[in-house]
């Protein structure tokens, strides 16, 4: 069966306009409450939806899939919930990297690693190194990530370049800012999906999402399937993106 991207090429003769899909995985806690379970059960069920999203992205021929796994604000959650999430992350890295590598998927992690434990950072480093040569798709995990924090870090980097005489303030352009972000070598997202019915970015890819399309499926993240991914992609392919130009 042809992927959505392949169908797009076949029908238009052009490269598919959908290269990068990002997902705000929202609703684990509400799913747990709805099913009378602890929040940790919602997070574990949400890990199954991660596999569904990855399969959906591969099936659709997506080049980059970014998952918002843990925000900088999530550190403010109760300590036991943060501990459960970190334990789940370690379990995921232990169990899934071999599968990702076998599928030809490269792993990238963006965010503040200095807030993560040393063992998790080591696991991330090894996983990135192991999958660095893969090219079928890049899976980007936004972990301990906040877009405002990313922008502050970028501004500090540019300010250092100006202070050292490597750059003049009047020469600073959008490309310089983009190159100073943690996503410097990752294209801006074409589509952001947020589950649970909420309709906000929650400090996610604020600079990069300037011309991103959005999808807000009314379902909780643990219920998300690759069919839902495909539906969002197909809906996107039916839209006309003007990027500020006249229709």
C-alpha atoms as a PDB file:
ATOM      1  CA  UNK A   1       0.000   0.000   0.000  1.00  0.00           C
ATOM      2  CA  UNK A   2       1.352   3.443  -0.922  1.00  0.00           C
ATOM      3  CA  UNK A   3       2.084   5.827   1.910  1.00  0.00           C
ATOM      4  CA  UNK A   4       0.313   9.188   2.144  1.00  0.00           C
ATOM      5  CA  UNK A   5       3.559  10.825   1.050  1.00  0.00           C
ATOM      6  CA  UNK A   6       3.847   8.502  -1.950  1.00  0.00           C
ATOM      7  CA  UNK A   7       0.244   9.179  -2.929  1.00  0.00           C
ATOM      8  CA  UNK A   8       0.954  12.893  -2.746  1.00  0.00           C
ATOM      9  CA  UNK A   9       3.901  12.522  -5.126  1.00  0.00           C
ATOM     10  CA  UNK A  10       1.921  10.300  -7.492  1.00  0.00           C
ATOM     11  CA  UNK A  11      -1.026  12.704  -7.631  1.00  0.00           C
ATOM     12  CA  UNK A  12       0.868  15.999  -7.910  1.00  0.00           C
ATOM     13  CA  UNK A  13       4.265  15.056  -9.305  1.00  0.00           C
ATOM     14  CA  UNK A  14       5.867  17.187  -6.578  1.00  0.00           C
ATOM     15  CA  UNK A  15       7.672  16.326  -3.377  1.00  0.00           C
ATOM     16  CA  UNK A  16       5.239  15.749  -0.529  1.00  0.00           C
ATOM     17  CA  UNK A  17       4.770  18.960   1.529  1.00  0.00           C
ATOM     18  CA  UNK A  18       4.674  16.953   4.762  1.00  0.00           C
ATOM     19  CA  UNK A  19       8.120  16.119   6.085  1.00  0.00           C
ATOM     20  CA  UNK A  20       7.896  16.739   9.830  1.00  0.00           C
ATOM     21  CA  UNK A  21       5.053  15.890  12.202  1.00  0.00           C
ATOM     22  CA  UNK A  22       5.223  16.833  15.883  1.00  0.00           C
ATOM     23  CA  UNK A  23       2.874  15.567  18.582  1.00  0.00           C
ATOM     24  CA  UNK A  24       1.892  16.967  21.975  1.00  0.00           C
ATOM     25  CA  UNK A  25       0.962  13.738  23.737  1.00  0.00           C
ATOM     26  CA  UNK A  26      -1.751  14.942  26.107  1.00  0.00           C
ATOM     27  CA  UNK A  27      -4.288  13.067  28.192  1.00  0.00           C
ATOM     28  CA  UNK A  28      -2.514  10.244  30.038  1.00  0.00           C
ATOM     29  CA  UNK A  29      -3.765  11.410  33.433  1.00  0.00           C
ATOM     30  CA  UNK A  30      -7.332  11.892  32.269  1.00  0.00           C
ATOM     31  CA  UNK A  31      -7.277   8.485  30.612  1.00  0.00           C
ATOM     32  CA  UNK A  32      -6.222   6.932  33.919  1.00  0.00           C
ATOM     33  CA  UNK A  33      -8.946   8.780  35.829  1.00  0.00           C
ATOM     34  CA  UNK A  34     -11.569   7.784  33.269  1.00  0.00           C
ATOM     35  CA  UNK A  35     -10.565   4.119  33.685  1.00  0.00           C
ATOM     36  CA  UNK A  36     -10.257   4.239  37.472  1.00  0.00           C
ATOM     37  CA  UNK A  37      -6.504   3.693  37.415  1.00  0.00           C
ATOM     38  CA  UNK A  38      -3.439   5.432  38.844  1.00  0.00           C
ATOM     39  CA  UNK A  39      -1.782   8.127  36.695  1.00  0.00           C
ATOM     40  CA  UNK A  40       1.227   5.835  36.241  1.00  0.00           C
ATOM     41  CA  UNK A  41      -1.058   3.389  34.404  1.00  0.00           C
ATOM     42  CA  UNK A  42      -2.016   6.179  32.021  1.00  0.00           C
ATOM     43  CA  UNK A  43       1.623   6.914  31.301  1.00  0.00           C
ATOM     44  CA  UNK A  44       2.347   3.227  30.656  1.00  0.00           C
ATOM     45  CA  UNK A  45      -0.617   3.007  28.298  1.00  0.00           C
ATOM     46  CA  UNK A  46       0.630   6.159  26.614  1.00  0.00           C
ATOM     47  CA  UNK A  47       3.877   4.351  25.780  1.00  0.00           C
ATOM     48  CA  UNK A  48       1.829   1.968  23.612  1.00  0.00           C
ATOM     49  CA  UNK A  49       0.478   4.983  21.717  1.00  0.00           C
ATOM     50  CA  UNK A  50       4.073   6.082  21.073  1.00  0.00           C
ATOM     51  CA  UNK A  51       4.639   2.847  19.169  1.00  0.00           C
ATOM     52  CA  UNK A  52       1.428   3.459  17.222  1.00  0.00           C
ATOM     53  CA  UNK A  53       2.548   6.967  16.285  1.00  0.00           C
ATOM     54  CA  UNK A  54       5.954   5.748  15.145  1.00  0.00           C
ATOM     55  CA  UNK A  55       4.377   3.011  13.030  1.00  0.00           C
ATOM     56  CA  UNK A  56       1.950   5.540  11.574  1.00  0.00           C
ATOM     57  CA  UNK A  57       4.759   7.936  10.714  1.00  0.00           C
ATOM     58  CA  UNK A  58       6.790   5.196   9.042  1.00  0.00           C
ATOM     59  CA  UNK A  59       3.739   4.009   7.092  1.00  0.00           C
ATOM     60  CA  UNK A  60       3.089   7.562   5.889  1.00  0.00           C
ATOM     61  CA  UNK A  61       6.684   8.136   4.807  1.00  0.00           C
ATOM     62  CA  UNK A  62       7.332  10.944   7.305  1.00  0.00           C
ATOM     63  CA  UNK A  63      10.954  12.065   7.583  1.00  0.00           C
ATOM     64  CA  UNK A  64      10.820  13.541  11.095  1.00  0.00           C
ATOM     65  CA  UNK A  65       8.538  12.732  14.018  1.00  0.00           C
ATOM     66  CA  UNK A  66       8.893  14.823  17.174  1.00  0.00           C
ATOM     67  CA  UNK A  67       7.208  13.731  20.405  1.00  0.00           C
ATOM     68  CA  UNK A  68       6.768  16.124  23.342  1.00  0.00           C
ATOM     69  CA  UNK A  69       7.553  13.653  26.107  1.00  0.00           C
ATOM     70  CA  UNK A  70       8.398  15.808  29.137  1.00  0.00           C
ATOM     71  CA  UNK A  71       8.283  19.576  29.366  1.00  0.00           C
ATOM     72  CA  UNK A  72      10.377  21.883  31.519  1.00  0.00           C
ATOM     73  CA  UNK A  73       7.177  22.610  33.465  1.00  0.00           C
ATOM     74  CA  UNK A  74       6.609  18.905  34.131  1.00  0.00           C
ATOM     75  CA  UNK A  75       9.418  19.024  36.695  1.00  0.00           C
ATOM     76  CA  UNK A  76       6.881  20.819  38.920  1.00  0.00           C
ATOM     77  CA  UNK A  77       4.657  17.733  39.095  1.00  0.00           C
ATOM     78  CA  UNK A  78       4.593  15.606  42.274  1.00  0.00           C
ATOM     79  CA  UNK A  79       7.915  13.858  42.877  1.00  0.00           C
ATOM     80  CA  UNK A  80       6.411  10.375  42.686  1.00  0.00           C
ATOM     81  CA  UNK A  81       4.882  11.079  39.261  1.00  0.00           C
ATOM     82  CA  UNK A  82       8.171  12.500  37.945  1.00  0.00           C
ATOM     83  CA  UNK A  83       9.941   9.411  39.281  1.00  0.00           C
ATOM     84  CA  UNK A  84       7.443   7.151  37.505  1.00  0.00           C
ATOM     85  CA  UNK A  85       7.932   9.055  34.244  1.00  0.00           C
ATOM     86  CA  UNK A  86      11.717   8.828  34.462  1.00  0.00           C
ATOM     87  CA  UNK A  87      11.505   5.098  35.214  1.00  0.00           C
ATOM     88  CA  UNK A  88       9.236   4.652  32.192  1.00  0.00           C
ATOM     89  CA  UNK A  89      11.710   6.598  30.052  1.00  0.00           C
ATOM     90  CA  UNK A  90      14.569   4.316  31.109  1.00  0.00           C
ATOM     91  CA  UNK A  91      12.445   1.265  30.385  1.00  0.00           C
ATOM     92  CA  UNK A  92      11.589   2.646  26.947  1.00  0.00           C
ATOM     93  CA  UNK A  93      15.246   3.305  26.134  1.00  0.00           C
ATOM     94  CA  UNK A  94      16.175  -0.204  27.262  1.00  0.00           C
ATOM     95  CA  UNK A  95      13.436  -1.969  25.303  1.00  0.00           C
ATOM     96  CA  UNK A  96      12.796   0.088  22.192  1.00  0.00           C
ATOM     97  CA  UNK A  97      16.168   1.262  20.878  1.00  0.00           C
ATOM     98  CA  UNK A  98      16.978  -2.107  19.349  1.00  0.00           C
ATOM     99  CA  UNK A  99      13.644  -2.049  17.508  1.00  0.00           C
ATOM    100  CA  UNK A 100      14.145   1.549  16.321  1.00  0.00           C
ATOM    101  CA  UNK A 101      17.616   0.688  15.070  1.00  0.00           C
ATOM    102  CA  UNK A 102      16.339  -2.390  13.257  1.00  0.00           C
ATOM    103  CA  UNK A 103      13.730  -0.249  11.501  1.00  0.00           C
ATOM    104  CA  UNK A 104      16.382   2.238  10.379  1.00  0.00           C
ATOM    105  CA  UNK A 105      15.109   5.010  12.657  1.00  0.00           C
ATOM    106  CA  UNK A 106      17.483   7.594  14.053  1.00  0.00           C
ATOM    107  CA  UNK A 107      16.891   8.895  17.596  1.00  0.00           C
ATOM    108  CA  UNK A 108      17.469  12.506  18.611  1.00  0.00           C
ATOM    109  CA  UNK A 109      16.734  14.045  21.996  1.00  0.00           C
ATOM    110  CA  UNK A 110      16.326  17.792  22.494  1.00  0.00           C
ATOM    111  CA  UNK A 111      15.999  19.628  25.792  1.00  0.00           C
ATOM    112  CA  UNK A 112      17.909  20.329  29.013  1.00  0.00           C
ATOM    113  CA  UNK A 113      19.932  17.203  29.736  1.00  0.00           C
ATOM    114  CA  UNK A 114      21.568  18.828  32.752  1.00  0.00           C
ATOM    115  CA  UNK A 115      18.333  18.274  34.689  1.00  0.00           C
ATOM    116  CA  UNK A 116      18.272  14.544  33.922  1.00  0.00           C
ATOM    117  CA  UNK A 117      20.023  11.880  35.968  1.00  0.00           C
ATOM    118  CA  UNK A 118      23.457  10.740  34.804  1.00  0.00           C
ATOM    119  CA  UNK A 119      22.246   7.225  33.954  1.00  0.00           C
ATOM    120  CA  UNK A 120      19.468   8.548  31.708  1.00  0.00           C
ATOM    121  CA  UNK A 121      21.871  10.927  29.943  1.00  0.00           C
ATOM    122  CA  UNK A 122      24.247   8.025  29.366  1.00  0.00           C
ATOM    123  CA  UNK A 123      21.430   5.901  27.911  1.00  0.00           C
ATOM    124  CA  UNK A 124      20.384   8.740  25.613  1.00  0.00           C
ATOM    125  CA  UNK A 125      23.956   9.299  24.414  1.00  0.00           C
ATOM    126  CA  UNK A 126      24.400   5.601  23.620  1.00  0.00           C
ATOM    127  CA  UNK A 127      21.029   5.397  21.838  1.00  0.00           C
ATOM    128  CA  UNK A 128      21.829   8.453  19.696  1.00  0.00           C
ATOM    129  CA  UNK A 129      25.244   7.059  18.813  1.00  0.00           C
ATOM    130  CA  UNK A 130      23.833   3.621  17.975  1.00  0.00           C
ATOM    131  CA  UNK A 131      21.197   5.017  15.599  1.00  0.00           C
ATOM    132  CA  UNK A 132      23.191   7.959  14.191  1.00  0.00           C
ATOM    133  CA  UNK A 133      23.661   6.359  10.779  1.00  0.00           C
ATOM    134  CA  UNK A 134      19.995   5.504  10.235  1.00  0.00           C
ATOM    135  CA  UNK A 135      18.054   7.440   7.605  1.00  0.00           C
ATOM    136  CA  UNK A 136      14.569   5.954   7.253  1.00  0.00           C
ATOM    137  CA  UNK A 137      13.124   8.446   9.735  1.00  0.00           C
ATOM    138  CA  UNK A 138      14.364  10.631  12.585  1.00  0.00           C
ATOM    139  CA  UNK A 139      12.492  10.295  15.869  1.00  0.00           C
ATOM    140  CA  UNK A 140      12.996  13.420  17.961  1.00  0.00           C
ATOM    141  CA  UNK A 141      12.121  13.221  21.655  1.00  0.00           C
ATOM    142  CA  UNK A 142      11.574  16.590  23.349  1.00  0.00           C
ATOM    143  CA  UNK A 143      12.636  15.793  26.913  1.00  0.00           C
ATOM    144  CA  UNK A 144      13.024  18.299  29.730  1.00  0.00           C
ATOM    145  CA  UNK A 145      12.177  20.706  26.931  1.00  0.00           C
ATOM    146  CA  UNK A 146      10.714  24.189  27.008  1.00  0.00           C
ATOM    147  CA  UNK A 147      10.635  26.452  23.969  1.00  0.00           C
ATOM    148  CA  UNK A 148      11.172  29.652  25.973  1.00  0.00           C
ATOM    149  CA  UNK A 149      14.205  28.062  27.624  1.00  0.00           C
ATOM    150  CA  UNK A 150      15.445  27.078  24.161  1.00  0.00           C
ATOM    151  CA  UNK A 151      15.016  30.650  22.922  1.00  0.00           C
ATOM    152  CA  UNK A 152      16.827  32.096  25.949  1.00  0.00           C
ATOM    153  CA  UNK A 153      19.718  29.705  25.299  1.00  0.00           C
ATOM    154  CA  UNK A 154      19.776  30.758  21.640  1.00  0.00           C
ATOM    155  CA  UNK A 155      19.807  34.475  22.538  1.00  0.00           C
ATOM    156  CA  UNK A 156      22.648  33.906  25.004  1.00  0.00           C
ATOM    157  CA  UNK A 157      24.660  32.111  22.303  1.00  0.00           C
ATOM    158  CA  UNK A 158      24.136  34.935  19.832  1.00  0.00           C
ATOM    159  CA  UNK A 159      24.947  37.538  22.502  1.00  0.00           C
ATOM    160  CA  UNK A 160      28.248  35.764  23.183  1.00  0.00           C
ATOM    161  CA  UNK A 161      29.048  35.851  19.460  1.00  0.00           C
ATOM    162  CA  UNK A 162      28.336  39.601  19.369  1.00  0.00           C
ATOM    163  CA  UNK A 163      30.386  40.244  22.503  1.00  0.00           C
ATOM    164  CA  UNK A 164      33.362  38.387  21.037  1.00  0.00           C
ATOM    165  CA  UNK A 165      33.161  40.345  17.794  1.00  0.00           C
ATOM    166  CA  UNK A 166      32.171  37.358  15.664  1.00  0.00           C
ATOM    167  CA  UNK A 167      28.817  38.918  14.782  1.00  0.00           C
ATOM    168  CA  UNK A 168      27.387  42.421  14.493  1.00  0.00           C
ATOM    169  CA  UNK A 169      23.937  43.086  16.029  1.00  0.00           C
ATOM    170  CA  UNK A 170      22.646  44.578  12.773  1.00  0.00           C
ATOM    171  CA  UNK A 171      23.587  41.404  10.905  1.00  0.00           C
ATOM    172  CA  UNK A 172      21.503  39.063  13.051  1.00  0.00           C
ATOM    173  CA  UNK A 173      18.747  37.443  10.984  1.00  0.00           C
ATOM    174  CA  UNK A 174      16.106  34.747  11.377  1.00  0.00           C
ATOM    175  CA  UNK A 175      18.472  32.082  10.094  1.00  0.00           C
ATOM    176  CA  UNK A 176      20.949  32.895  12.869  1.00  0.00           C
ATOM    177  CA  UNK A 177      18.279  32.372  15.493  1.00  0.00           C
ATOM    178  CA  UNK A 178      17.116  29.117  13.895  1.00  0.00           C
ATOM    179  CA  UNK A 179      20.701  27.845  13.826  1.00  0.00           C
ATOM    180  CA  UNK A 180      21.142  28.631  17.532  1.00  0.00           C
ATOM    181  CA  UNK A 181      18.138  26.509  18.538  1.00  0.00           C
ATOM    182  CA  UNK A 182      18.306  22.871  19.684  1.00  0.00           C
ATOM    183  CA  UNK A 183      16.493  21.997  16.447  1.00  0.00           C
ATOM    184  CA  UNK A 184      19.111  23.631  14.198  1.00  0.00           C
ATOM    185  CA  UNK A 185      19.419  20.615  11.890  1.00  0.00           C
ATOM    186  CA  UNK A 186      15.738  19.659  12.018  1.00  0.00           C
ATOM    187  CA  UNK A 187      13.168  21.206   9.638  1.00  0.00           C
ATOM    188  CA  UNK A 188      10.284  23.166  11.130  1.00  0.00           C
ATOM    189  CA  UNK A 189       7.185  21.043  11.755  1.00  0.00           C
ATOM    190  CA  UNK A 190       4.612  21.023   8.983  1.00  0.00           C
ATOM    191  CA  UNK A 191       1.937  19.612  11.276  1.00  0.00           C
ATOM    192  CA  UNK A 192       1.490  19.572  15.051  1.00  0.00           C
ATOM    193  CA  UNK A 193      -1.021  17.136  16.510  1.00  0.00           C
ATOM    194  CA  UNK A 194      -2.302  17.651  20.050  1.00  0.00           C
ATOM    195  CA  UNK A 195      -4.525  15.023  21.583  1.00  0.00           C
ATOM    196  CA  UNK A 196      -7.143  15.376  24.356  1.00  0.00           C
ATOM    197  CA  UNK A 197      -9.028  18.228  22.684  1.00  0.00           C
ATOM    198  CA  UNK A 198      -6.849  20.967  24.191  1.00  0.00           C
ATOM    199  CA  UNK A 199      -5.842  23.653  21.702  1.00  0.00           C
ATOM    200  CA  UNK A 200      -2.585  25.272  22.804  1.00  0.00           C
ATOM    201  CA  UNK A 201       1.155  24.833  22.254  1.00  0.00           C
ATOM    202  CA  UNK A 202       2.187  24.632  25.918  1.00  0.00           C
ATOM    203  CA  UNK A 203       5.686  26.027  25.351  1.00  0.00           C
ATOM    204  CA  UNK A 204       6.424  23.639  22.466  1.00  0.00           C
ATOM    205  CA  UNK A 205       8.389  24.681  19.341  1.00  0.00           C
ATOM    206  CA  UNK A 206       7.181  28.293  19.544  1.00  0.00           C
ATOM    207  CA  UNK A 207       9.690  29.674  17.020  1.00  0.00           C
ATOM    208  CA  UNK A 208       9.549  26.650  14.753  1.00  0.00           C
ATOM    209  CA  UNK A 209       5.738  26.587  14.556  1.00  0.00           C
ATOM    210  CA  UNK A 210       5.332  29.987  12.899  1.00  0.00           C
ATOM    211  CA  UNK A 211       3.630  28.464   9.835  1.00  0.00           C
ATOM    212  CA  UNK A 212       2.719  25.038  11.152  1.00  0.00           C
ATOM    213  CA  UNK A 213      -0.706  23.511  10.574  1.00  0.00           C
ATOM    214  CA  UNK A 214      -2.541  22.049  13.583  1.00  0.00           C
ATOM    215  CA  UNK A 215      -4.722  19.042  14.312  1.00  0.00           C
ATOM    216  CA  UNK A 216      -6.658  18.647  17.570  1.00  0.00           C
ATOM    217  CA  UNK A 217      -8.225  15.174  17.653  1.00  0.00           C
ATOM    218  CA  UNK A 218     -10.734  14.794  20.469  1.00  0.00           C
ATOM    219  CA  UNK A 219      -9.209  11.692  22.013  1.00  0.00           C
ATOM    220  CA  UNK A 220      -6.808  11.059  24.862  1.00  0.00           C
ATOM    221  CA  UNK A 221      -3.232  10.137  24.042  1.00  0.00           C
ATOM    222  CA  UNK A 222      -3.380   6.482  25.233  1.00  0.00           C
ATOM    223  CA  UNK A 223      -6.213   5.915  22.732  1.00  0.00           C
ATOM    224  CA  UNK A 224      -4.205   7.301  19.791  1.00  0.00           C
ATOM    225  CA  UNK A 225      -3.548   4.795  16.980  1.00  0.00           C
ATOM    226  CA  UNK A 226      -1.687   4.757  13.703  1.00  0.00           C
ATOM    227  CA  UNK A 227      -5.068   5.114  11.995  1.00  0.00           C
ATOM    228  CA  UNK A 228      -5.518   8.417  13.856  1.00  0.00           C
ATOM    229  CA  UNK A 229      -2.066   9.468  12.692  1.00  0.00           C
ATOM    230  CA  UNK A 230      -2.953   8.633   9.105  1.00  0.00           C
ATOM    231  CA  UNK A 231      -6.221  10.574   9.398  1.00  0.00           C
ATOM    232  CA  UNK A 232      -4.371  13.688  10.583  1.00  0.00           C
ATOM    233  CA  UNK A 233      -1.878  13.381   7.733  1.00  0.00           C
ATOM    234  CA  UNK A 234      -4.600  12.904   5.122  1.00  0.00           C
ATOM    235  CA  UNK A 235      -6.442  15.952   6.475  1.00  0.00           C
ATOM    236  CA  UNK A 236      -3.222  17.979   6.262  1.00  0.00           C
ATOM    237  CA  UNK A 237      -2.646  16.934   2.652  1.00  0.00           C
ATOM    238  CA  UNK A 238      -6.058  18.359   1.801  1.00  0.00           C
ATOM    239  CA  UNK A 239      -5.152  21.836   3.058  1.00  0.00           C
ATOM    240  CA  UNK A 240      -3.662  24.713   1.070  1.00  0.00           C
ATOM    241  CA  UNK A 241      -0.739  26.391   2.823  1.00  0.00           C
ATOM    242  CA  UNK A 242      -0.148  29.987   1.735  1.00  0.00           C
ATOM    243  CA  UNK A 243       2.594  31.098   4.189  1.00  0.00           C
ATOM    244  CA  UNK A 244       1.169  34.616   4.240  1.00  0.00           C
ATOM    245  CA  UNK A 245       0.843  34.916   0.464  1.00  0.00           C
ATOM    246  CA  UNK A 246      -2.405  35.698  -1.354  1.00  0.00           C
ATOM    247  CA  UNK A 247      -4.498  32.656  -2.347  1.00  0.00           C
END
